[in-house]
Each structure stands twice: as C-alpha cells, then as structure tokens.
Amino acid sequence: MEKKPVKVLVAKIGLDGHDRGAKVIARALKDAGMEVVYTGIRQTPDQVVLSAIEEDVDVIGVSILSGAHVHHVKRLIELLKREGGSDIPVVVGGTIPIPDVDTLKLIGVKEVFLPGTSLKYIVDTVRRLYEERNSVEGHN
C-alpha cells in the first residue's frame, strides 16, 4: 500500500498581504514530497479552520507579519477545538516577537518559526508533527 503524503495547509490570517514567505515555505514542503493547500492572503481563522477540516490536513501552518498573531491564533485554536480538529498541529511563522513565542505555545501552537529558521528545520518539524499525530492510537 502506498503511503499517503503529509498534507499541510499554509495560511495567511488577517489583513497582512505579504505572502512571499508563505509561498517559499509552501514550495519547500511540496519539494519535500508533502501535499500543500495554500489558502491565499487575508483569511480569517474561521476560513482556515473550515479549509483544514474540509481538506483533512495533517498540519496547519500560519504565516503572520501583521502583529496580530496572538489574537488570530488563539481564535484559530479555539475554533479547531470546537470543530473537532484539536488534534491537528498548528505551527506559526513570521515576524513574531520573542516574548510572544511562549504565549503562542501556551495557547497550543506546536512550534514557532522565527525569521532565519532554515527550510530544512521547518520541513523536519512538520514531518515530525505529522508522525507524532499519526502515532497516537486510534488516529487514522
């Protein structure tokens, strides 16, 4: 039986329209053999959660440069819990002040990628989160 590729949703939440970094990440994940769903810019947390559930993704990656990361990611994780997707790991990247990294992790974010994080580390982290999720008894 052929192994299913890791399916990752890459999203830009909020009014931020700069998506170059998100597209670079999406390309790196795709080049690593993953299936990538890119939602485009100016998504709401509700739209991202709906897409993640409909697409049955394994990991959600959120790129934020606007400074509203804590507000938007908190809402996204609340909605994931409400919609039955609390087991989908969420990672965040972008211009995130270092003091906010711990806040995001307390909210439920599995990893925060700051500027300068290598693409290899991001790919490896997404793959590890996928494997951890699928190693949980009863999942898939």
N, C-alpha and C. Protein backbone atom coordinates (compact mmCIF):
# COMPACT_ATOMS: atom_id res chain seq x y z
N MET A 1 0.84 -1.18 0.00
CA MET A 1 0.00 0.00 0.00
C MET A 1 0.88 1.25 0.00
N GLU A 2 0.53 2.19 -0.87
CA GLU A 2 1.31 3.42 -0.97
C GLU A 2 1.03 4.32 0.23
N LYS A 3 2.10 4.93 0.75
CA LYS A 3 1.96 5.80 1.91
C LYS A 3 1.40 7.15 1.49
N LYS A 4 0.46 7.64 2.24
CA LYS A 4 -0.19 8.93 1.98
C LYS A 4 0.80 10.05 2.32
N PRO A 5 0.91 11.05 1.43
CA PRO A 5 1.82 12.16 1.76
C PRO A 5 1.26 13.02 2.89
N VAL A 6 2.16 13.66 3.59
CA VAL A 6 1.76 14.62 4.62
C VAL A 6 1.00 15.75 3.93
N LYS A 7 -0.14 16.12 4.47
CA LYS A 7 -0.95 17.18 3.88
C LYS A 7 -0.93 18.38 4.81
N VAL A 8 -0.44 19.50 4.30
CA VAL A 8 -0.25 20.71 5.10
C VAL A 8 -1.06 21.86 4.53
N LEU A 9 -1.76 22.56 5.39
CA LEU A 9 -2.46 23.77 4.98
C LEU A 9 -1.60 24.96 5.38
N VAL A 10 -1.26 25.80 4.42
CA VAL A 10 -0.48 27.01 4.69
C VAL A 10 -1.42 28.20 4.51
N ALA A 11 -1.50 29.04 5.54
CA ALA A 11 -2.48 30.12 5.53
C ALA A 11 -1.87 31.45 5.97
N LYS A 12 -2.43 32.50 5.44
CA LYS A 12 -2.13 33.87 5.88
C LYS A 12 -3.41 34.41 6.53
N ILE A 13 -3.33 34.72 7.80
CA ILE A 13 -4.51 35.21 8.52
C ILE A 13 -4.39 36.72 8.74
N GLY A 14 -5.51 37.40 8.62
CA GLY A 14 -5.55 38.83 8.89
C GLY A 14 -5.37 39.67 7.64
N LEU A 15 -5.11 40.93 7.86
CA LEU A 15 -5.04 41.88 6.74
C LEU A 15 -3.68 41.93 6.07
N ASP A 16 -2.75 41.18 6.59
CA ASP A 16 -1.41 41.14 6.02
C ASP A 16 -1.45 40.58 4.59
N GLY A 17 -0.91 41.30 3.66
CA GLY A 17 -0.93 40.86 2.28
C GLY A 17 0.41 40.40 1.76
N HIS A 18 1.39 40.29 2.62
CA HIS A 18 2.72 39.86 2.20
C HIS A 18 2.82 38.34 2.33
N ASP A 19 2.85 37.65 1.21
CA ASP A 19 2.82 36.20 1.29
C ASP A 19 4.05 35.52 0.67
N ARG A 20 5.07 36.28 0.42
CA ARG A 20 6.27 35.68 -0.18
C ARG A 20 6.83 34.55 0.69
N GLY A 21 6.96 34.81 2.00
CA GLY A 21 7.49 33.79 2.91
C GLY A 21 6.60 32.54 2.94
N ALA A 22 5.29 32.76 2.97
CA ALA A 22 4.37 31.61 3.00
C ALA A 22 4.52 30.77 1.74
N LYS A 23 4.72 31.45 0.61
CA LYS A 23 4.88 30.72 -0.65
C LYS A 23 6.22 29.97 -0.69
N VAL A 24 7.25 30.55 -0.11
CA VAL A 24 8.55 29.86 -0.03
C VAL A 24 8.41 28.60 0.82
N ILE A 25 7.73 28.72 1.94
CA ILE A 25 7.52 27.56 2.82
C ILE A 25 6.67 26.51 2.10
N ALA A 26 5.61 26.95 1.45
CA ALA A 26 4.75 26.01 0.73
C ALA A 26 5.56 25.25 -0.32
N ARG A 27 6.43 25.93 -1.03
CA ARG A 27 7.25 25.29 -2.06
C ARG A 27 8.22 24.29 -1.41
N ALA A 28 8.84 24.66 -0.31
CA ALA A 28 9.78 23.76 0.36
C ALA A 28 9.07 22.50 0.84
N LEU A 29 7.88 22.64 1.38
CA LEU A 29 7.12 21.48 1.85
C LEU A 29 6.74 20.60 0.66
N LYS A 30 6.33 21.23 -0.43
CA LYS A 30 5.95 20.47 -1.63
C LYS A 30 7.18 19.75 -2.20
N ASP A 31 8.31 20.43 -2.24
CA ASP A 31 9.54 19.81 -2.74
C ASP A 31 9.98 18.64 -1.87
N ALA A 32 9.56 18.65 -0.61
CA ALA A 32 9.89 17.56 0.32
C ALA A 32 8.88 16.41 0.21
N GLY A 33 7.97 16.51 -0.75
CA GLY A 33 7.02 15.42 -1.00
C GLY A 33 5.69 15.57 -0.30
N MET A 34 5.45 16.70 0.31
CA MET A 34 4.19 16.91 1.02
C MET A 34 3.15 17.52 0.08
N GLU A 35 1.89 17.27 0.40
CA GLU A 35 0.79 17.90 -0.32
C GLU A 35 0.47 19.20 0.41
N VAL A 36 0.44 20.30 -0.32
CA VAL A 36 0.24 21.61 0.31
C VAL A 36 -1.03 22.25 -0.22
N VAL A 37 -1.84 22.73 0.71
CA VAL A 37 -3.02 23.52 0.38
C VAL A 37 -2.70 24.94 0.82
N TYR A 38 -2.61 25.87 -0.12
CA TYR A 38 -2.34 27.26 0.22
C TYR A 38 -3.64 28.04 0.11
N THR A 39 -4.05 28.67 1.20
CA THR A 39 -5.36 29.35 1.21
C THR A 39 -5.32 30.75 0.63
N GLY A 40 -4.13 31.32 0.45
CA GLY A 40 -4.04 32.69 -0.03
C GLY A 40 -4.05 33.68 1.12
N ILE A 41 -4.05 34.95 0.78
CA ILE A 41 -3.93 36.00 1.78
C ILE A 41 -5.30 36.38 2.35
N ARG A 42 -5.22 37.11 3.46
CA ARG A 42 -6.38 37.73 4.12
C ARG A 42 -7.47 36.73 4.50
N GLN A 43 -7.06 35.63 5.08
CA GLN A 43 -8.01 34.63 5.56
C GLN A 43 -8.40 34.95 7.01
N THR A 44 -9.57 34.51 7.39
CA THR A 44 -9.98 34.60 8.79
C THR A 44 -9.67 33.27 9.47
N PRO A 45 -9.58 33.25 10.80
CA PRO A 45 -9.41 31.96 11.48
C PRO A 45 -10.53 30.98 11.13
N ASP A 46 -11.75 31.48 10.99
CA ASP A 46 -12.88 30.61 10.62
C ASP A 46 -12.65 29.96 9.26
N GLN A 47 -12.18 30.72 8.29
CA GLN A 47 -11.94 30.18 6.96
C GLN A 47 -10.82 29.13 6.99
N VAL A 48 -9.80 29.40 7.78
CA VAL A 48 -8.67 28.46 7.86
C VAL A 48 -9.12 27.14 8.49
N VAL A 49 -9.89 27.22 9.56
CA VAL A 49 -10.37 26.00 10.21
C VAL A 49 -11.30 25.23 9.28
N LEU A 50 -12.19 25.92 8.61
CA LEU A 50 -13.10 25.25 7.67
C LEU A 50 -12.30 24.53 6.58
N SER A 51 -11.31 25.21 6.02
CA SER A 51 -10.47 24.59 4.97
C SER A 51 -9.71 23.39 5.52
N ALA A 52 -9.17 23.53 6.73
CA ALA A 52 -8.39 22.44 7.33
C ALA A 52 -9.26 21.20 7.54
N ILE A 53 -10.48 21.39 8.01
CA ILE A 53 -11.38 20.26 8.24
C ILE A 53 -11.81 19.66 6.91
N GLU A 54 -12.20 20.51 5.97
CA GLU A 54 -12.66 20.00 4.66
C GLU A 54 -11.55 19.28 3.92
N GLU A 55 -10.33 19.78 4.03
CA GLU A 55 -9.20 19.18 3.30
C GLU A 55 -8.56 18.03 4.07
N ASP A 56 -9.00 17.82 5.31
CA ASP A 56 -8.46 16.73 6.15
C ASP A 56 -6.93 16.81 6.22
N VAL A 57 -6.43 17.99 6.61
CA VAL A 57 -4.98 18.19 6.65
C VAL A 57 -4.37 17.58 7.90
N ASP A 58 -3.07 17.36 7.83
CA ASP A 58 -2.32 16.79 8.94
C ASP A 58 -1.68 17.86 9.82
N VAL A 59 -1.37 19.00 9.22
CA VAL A 59 -0.71 20.10 9.94
C VAL A 59 -1.21 21.41 9.35
N ILE A 60 -1.36 22.43 10.20
CA ILE A 60 -1.71 23.78 9.75
C ILE A 60 -0.51 24.68 10.01
N GLY A 61 -0.08 25.41 8.97
CA GLY A 61 0.98 26.39 9.10
C GLY A 61 0.42 27.77 8.86
N VAL A 62 0.62 28.66 9.81
CA VAL A 62 0.09 30.02 9.71
C VAL A 62 1.26 30.99 9.61
N SER A 63 1.21 31.85 8.62
CA SER A 63 2.22 32.89 8.46
C SER A 63 1.58 34.23 8.80
N ILE A 64 2.21 34.96 9.70
CA ILE A 64 1.67 36.25 10.13
C ILE A 64 2.79 37.27 10.27
N LEU A 65 2.57 38.42 9.67
CA LEU A 65 3.53 39.52 9.80
C LEU A 65 2.89 40.76 10.41
N SER A 66 1.60 40.72 10.63
CA SER A 66 0.86 41.92 11.00
C SER A 66 0.96 42.33 12.45
N GLY A 67 1.42 41.42 13.32
CA GLY A 67 1.47 41.73 14.73
C GLY A 67 0.24 41.29 15.49
N ALA A 68 -0.73 40.74 14.80
CA ALA A 68 -1.97 40.29 15.45
C ALA A 68 -1.95 38.78 15.67
N HIS A 69 -0.78 38.20 15.73
CA HIS A 69 -0.65 36.74 15.78
C HIS A 69 -1.33 36.11 16.99
N VAL A 70 -1.17 36.68 18.17
CA VAL A 70 -1.74 36.05 19.37
C VAL A 70 -3.27 36.02 19.26
N HIS A 71 -3.87 37.13 18.89
CA HIS A 71 -5.32 37.21 18.76
C HIS A 71 -5.85 36.20 17.73
N HIS A 72 -5.27 36.22 16.54
CA HIS A 72 -5.77 35.34 15.47
C HIS A 72 -5.51 33.86 15.76
N VAL A 73 -4.35 33.54 16.27
CA VAL A 73 -4.02 32.13 16.52
C VAL A 73 -4.85 31.58 17.69
N LYS A 74 -5.10 32.40 18.68
CA LYS A 74 -5.96 31.97 19.79
C LYS A 74 -7.35 31.62 19.26
N ARG A 75 -7.89 32.46 18.42
CA ARG A 75 -9.21 32.20 17.82
C ARG A 75 -9.17 30.93 16.96
N LEU A 76 -8.12 30.76 16.18
CA LEU A 76 -7.99 29.59 15.31
C LEU A 76 -8.00 28.31 16.14
N ILE A 77 -7.25 28.29 17.22
CA ILE A 77 -7.17 27.07 18.05
C ILE A 77 -8.49 26.82 18.78
N GLU A 78 -9.15 27.88 19.21
CA GLU A 78 -10.48 27.71 19.82
C GLU A 78 -11.46 27.08 18.81
N LEU A 79 -11.43 27.57 17.59
CA LEU A 79 -12.32 27.04 16.55
C LEU A 79 -11.97 25.60 16.20
N LEU A 80 -10.68 25.29 16.16
CA LEU A 80 -10.27 23.91 15.88
C LEU A 80 -10.84 22.96 16.93
N LYS A 81 -10.76 23.37 18.18
CA LYS A 81 -11.31 22.54 19.26
C LYS A 81 -12.82 22.37 19.08
N ARG A 82 -13.50 23.45 18.78
CA ARG A 82 -14.96 23.41 18.62
C ARG A 82 -15.40 22.52 17.46
N GLU A 83 -14.58 22.52 16.40
CA GLU A 83 -14.94 21.77 15.19
C GLU A 83 -14.36 20.35 15.16
N GLY A 84 -13.75 19.93 16.26
CA GLY A 84 -13.23 18.56 16.32
C GLY A 84 -11.86 18.38 15.71
N GLY A 85 -11.14 19.47 15.50
CA GLY A 85 -9.80 19.37 14.90
C GLY A 85 -8.68 19.68 15.86
N SER A 86 -8.93 19.47 17.13
CA SER A 86 -7.91 19.84 18.12
C SER A 86 -6.64 19.00 18.02
N ASP A 87 -6.72 17.88 17.30
CA ASP A 87 -5.52 17.05 17.14
C ASP A 87 -4.66 17.48 15.96
N ILE A 88 -5.09 18.48 15.21
CA ILE A 88 -4.29 18.97 14.08
C ILE A 88 -3.24 19.94 14.63
N PRO A 89 -1.96 19.60 14.49
CA PRO A 89 -0.92 20.51 15.00
C PRO A 89 -0.90 21.83 14.22
N VAL A 90 -0.67 22.91 14.95
CA VAL A 90 -0.58 24.24 14.36
C VAL A 90 0.83 24.77 14.58
N VAL A 91 1.44 25.25 13.51
CA VAL A 91 2.74 25.93 13.60
C VAL A 91 2.55 27.35 13.08
N VAL A 92 3.37 28.27 13.58
CA VAL A 92 3.25 29.67 13.20
C VAL A 92 4.63 30.19 12.81
N GLY A 93 4.65 30.98 11.75
CA GLY A 93 5.88 31.63 11.34
C GLY A 93 5.64 33.06 10.95
N GLY A 94 6.71 33.83 10.95
CA GLY A 94 6.58 35.22 10.56
C GLY A 94 7.36 36.11 11.49
N THR A 95 6.95 37.35 11.53
CA THR A 95 7.61 38.31 12.40
C THR A 95 6.95 38.25 13.77
N ILE A 96 7.47 37.36 14.59
CA ILE A 96 6.89 37.11 15.91
C ILE A 96 7.89 37.60 16.96
N PRO A 97 7.51 38.56 17.78
CA PRO A 97 8.43 38.98 18.86
C PRO A 97 8.74 37.80 19.79
N ILE A 98 9.97 37.66 20.18
CA ILE A 98 10.39 36.53 21.00
C ILE A 98 9.54 36.38 22.27
N PRO A 99 9.17 37.46 22.96
CA PRO A 99 8.32 37.26 24.14
C PRO A 99 6.97 36.60 23.84
N ASP A 100 6.51 36.67 22.60
CA ASP A 100 5.22 36.07 22.24
C ASP A 100 5.32 34.59 21.90
N VAL A 101 6.53 34.06 21.75
CA VAL A 101 6.69 32.64 21.41
C VAL A 101 6.08 31.77 22.51
N ASP A 102 6.41 32.05 23.75
CA ASP A 102 5.85 31.25 24.85
C ASP A 102 4.34 31.41 24.94
N THR A 103 3.85 32.60 24.69
CA THR A 103 2.40 32.82 24.72
C THR A 103 1.71 31.96 23.68
N LEU A 104 2.27 31.93 22.47
CA LEU A 104 1.68 31.11 21.40
C LEU A 104 1.72 29.62 21.77
N LYS A 105 2.81 29.18 22.37
CA LYS A 105 2.89 27.77 22.76
C LYS A 105 1.91 27.43 23.88
N LEU A 106 1.68 28.39 24.78
CA LEU A 106 0.68 28.16 25.83
C LEU A 106 -0.73 28.06 25.25
N ILE A 107 -0.96 28.79 24.18
CA ILE A 107 -2.27 28.73 23.50
C ILE A 107 -2.46 27.36 22.85
N GLY A 108 -1.35 26.73 22.45
CA GLY A 108 -1.45 25.42 21.79
C GLY A 108 -0.64 25.26 20.53
N VAL A 109 0.09 26.29 20.15
CA VAL A 109 0.94 26.20 18.96
C VAL A 109 2.09 25.23 19.24
N LYS A 110 2.35 24.33 18.30
CA LYS A 110 3.38 23.30 18.50
C LYS A 110 4.79 23.83 18.23
N GLU A 111 4.91 24.80 17.30
CA GLU A 111 6.23 25.35 17.00
C GLU A 111 6.07 26.74 16.40
N VAL A 112 7.03 27.59 16.71
CA VAL A 112 7.05 28.95 16.15
C VAL A 112 8.36 29.10 15.38
N PHE A 113 8.24 29.47 14.12
CA PHE A 113 9.41 29.66 13.25
C PHE A 113 9.68 31.15 13.11
N LEU A 114 10.78 31.57 13.64
CA LEU A 114 11.17 32.99 13.57
C LEU A 114 11.94 33.25 12.28
N PRO A 115 12.11 34.52 11.90
CA PRO A 115 12.90 34.82 10.69
C PRO A 115 14.29 34.18 10.81
N GLY A 116 14.73 33.58 9.71
CA GLY A 116 16.04 32.93 9.67
C GLY A 116 16.00 31.44 9.95
N THR A 117 14.84 30.91 10.33
CA THR A 117 14.71 29.47 10.53
C THR A 117 14.95 28.77 9.20
N SER A 118 15.74 27.71 9.21
CA SER A 118 16.06 27.03 7.95
C SER A 118 14.84 26.26 7.42
N LEU A 119 14.78 26.16 6.10
CA LEU A 119 13.69 25.41 5.48
C LEU A 119 13.76 23.94 5.89
N LYS A 120 14.96 23.41 6.03
CA LYS A 120 15.12 22.02 6.45
C LYS A 120 14.50 21.81 7.84
N TYR A 121 14.76 22.72 8.75
CA TYR A 121 14.20 22.58 10.10
C TYR A 121 12.67 22.64 10.05
N ILE A 122 12.13 23.52 9.23
CA ILE A 122 10.67 23.63 9.11
C ILE A 122 10.08 22.34 8.54
N VAL A 123 10.69 21.83 7.46
CA VAL A 123 10.21 20.58 6.85
C VAL A 123 10.31 19.44 7.86
N ASP A 124 11.45 19.31 8.53
CA ASP A 124 11.63 18.24 9.51
C ASP A 124 10.62 18.34 10.65
N THR A 125 10.35 19.56 11.09
CA THR A 125 9.39 19.76 12.19
C THR A 125 7.98 19.37 11.76
N VAL A 126 7.60 19.78 10.57
CA VAL A 126 6.26 19.43 10.08
C VAL A 126 6.13 17.91 9.95
N ARG A 127 7.16 17.26 9.43
CA ARG A 127 7.13 15.80 9.29
C ARG A 127 7.05 15.12 10.68
N ARG A 128 7.81 15.64 11.64
CA ARG A 128 7.78 15.08 13.00
C ARG A 128 6.40 15.24 13.62
N LEU A 129 5.78 16.41 13.45
CA LEU A 129 4.44 16.63 14.00
C LEU A 129 3.42 15.69 13.36
N TYR A 130 3.56 15.46 12.06
CA TYR A 130 2.69 14.51 11.37
C TYR A 130 2.85 13.11 11.97
N GLU A 131 4.10 12.70 12.14
CA GLU A 131 4.36 11.36 12.68
C GLU A 131 3.86 11.23 14.11
N GLU A 132 4.03 12.27 14.92
CA GLU A 132 3.53 12.23 16.29
C GLU A 132 2.00 12.12 16.30
N ARG A 133 1.35 12.86 15.44
CA ARG A 133 -0.12 12.83 15.37
C ARG A 133 -0.61 11.45 14.96
N ASN A 134 0.08 10.85 14.00
CA ASN A 134 -0.36 9.55 13.49
C ASN A 134 0.08 8.39 14.36
N SER A 135 0.95 8.64 15.32
CA SER A 135 1.35 7.56 16.22
C SER A 135 0.39 7.41 17.39
N VAL A 136 -0.48 8.40 17.53
CA VAL A 136 -1.48 8.34 18.61
C VAL A 136 -2.47 7.23 18.27
N GLU A 137 -2.65 6.33 19.20
CA GLU A 137 -3.55 5.20 18.98
C GLU A 137 -4.95 5.69 18.62
N GLY A 138 -5.49 5.07 17.60
CA GLY A 138 -6.85 5.39 17.19
C GLY A 138 -6.95 6.48 16.14
N HIS A 139 -5.82 7.12 15.80
CA HIS A 139 -5.90 8.16 14.77
C HIS A 139 -5.59 7.55 13.42
N ASN A 140 -6.42 7.82 12.45
CA ASN A 140 -6.31 7.29 11.08
C ASN A 140 -6.24 5.80 11.11
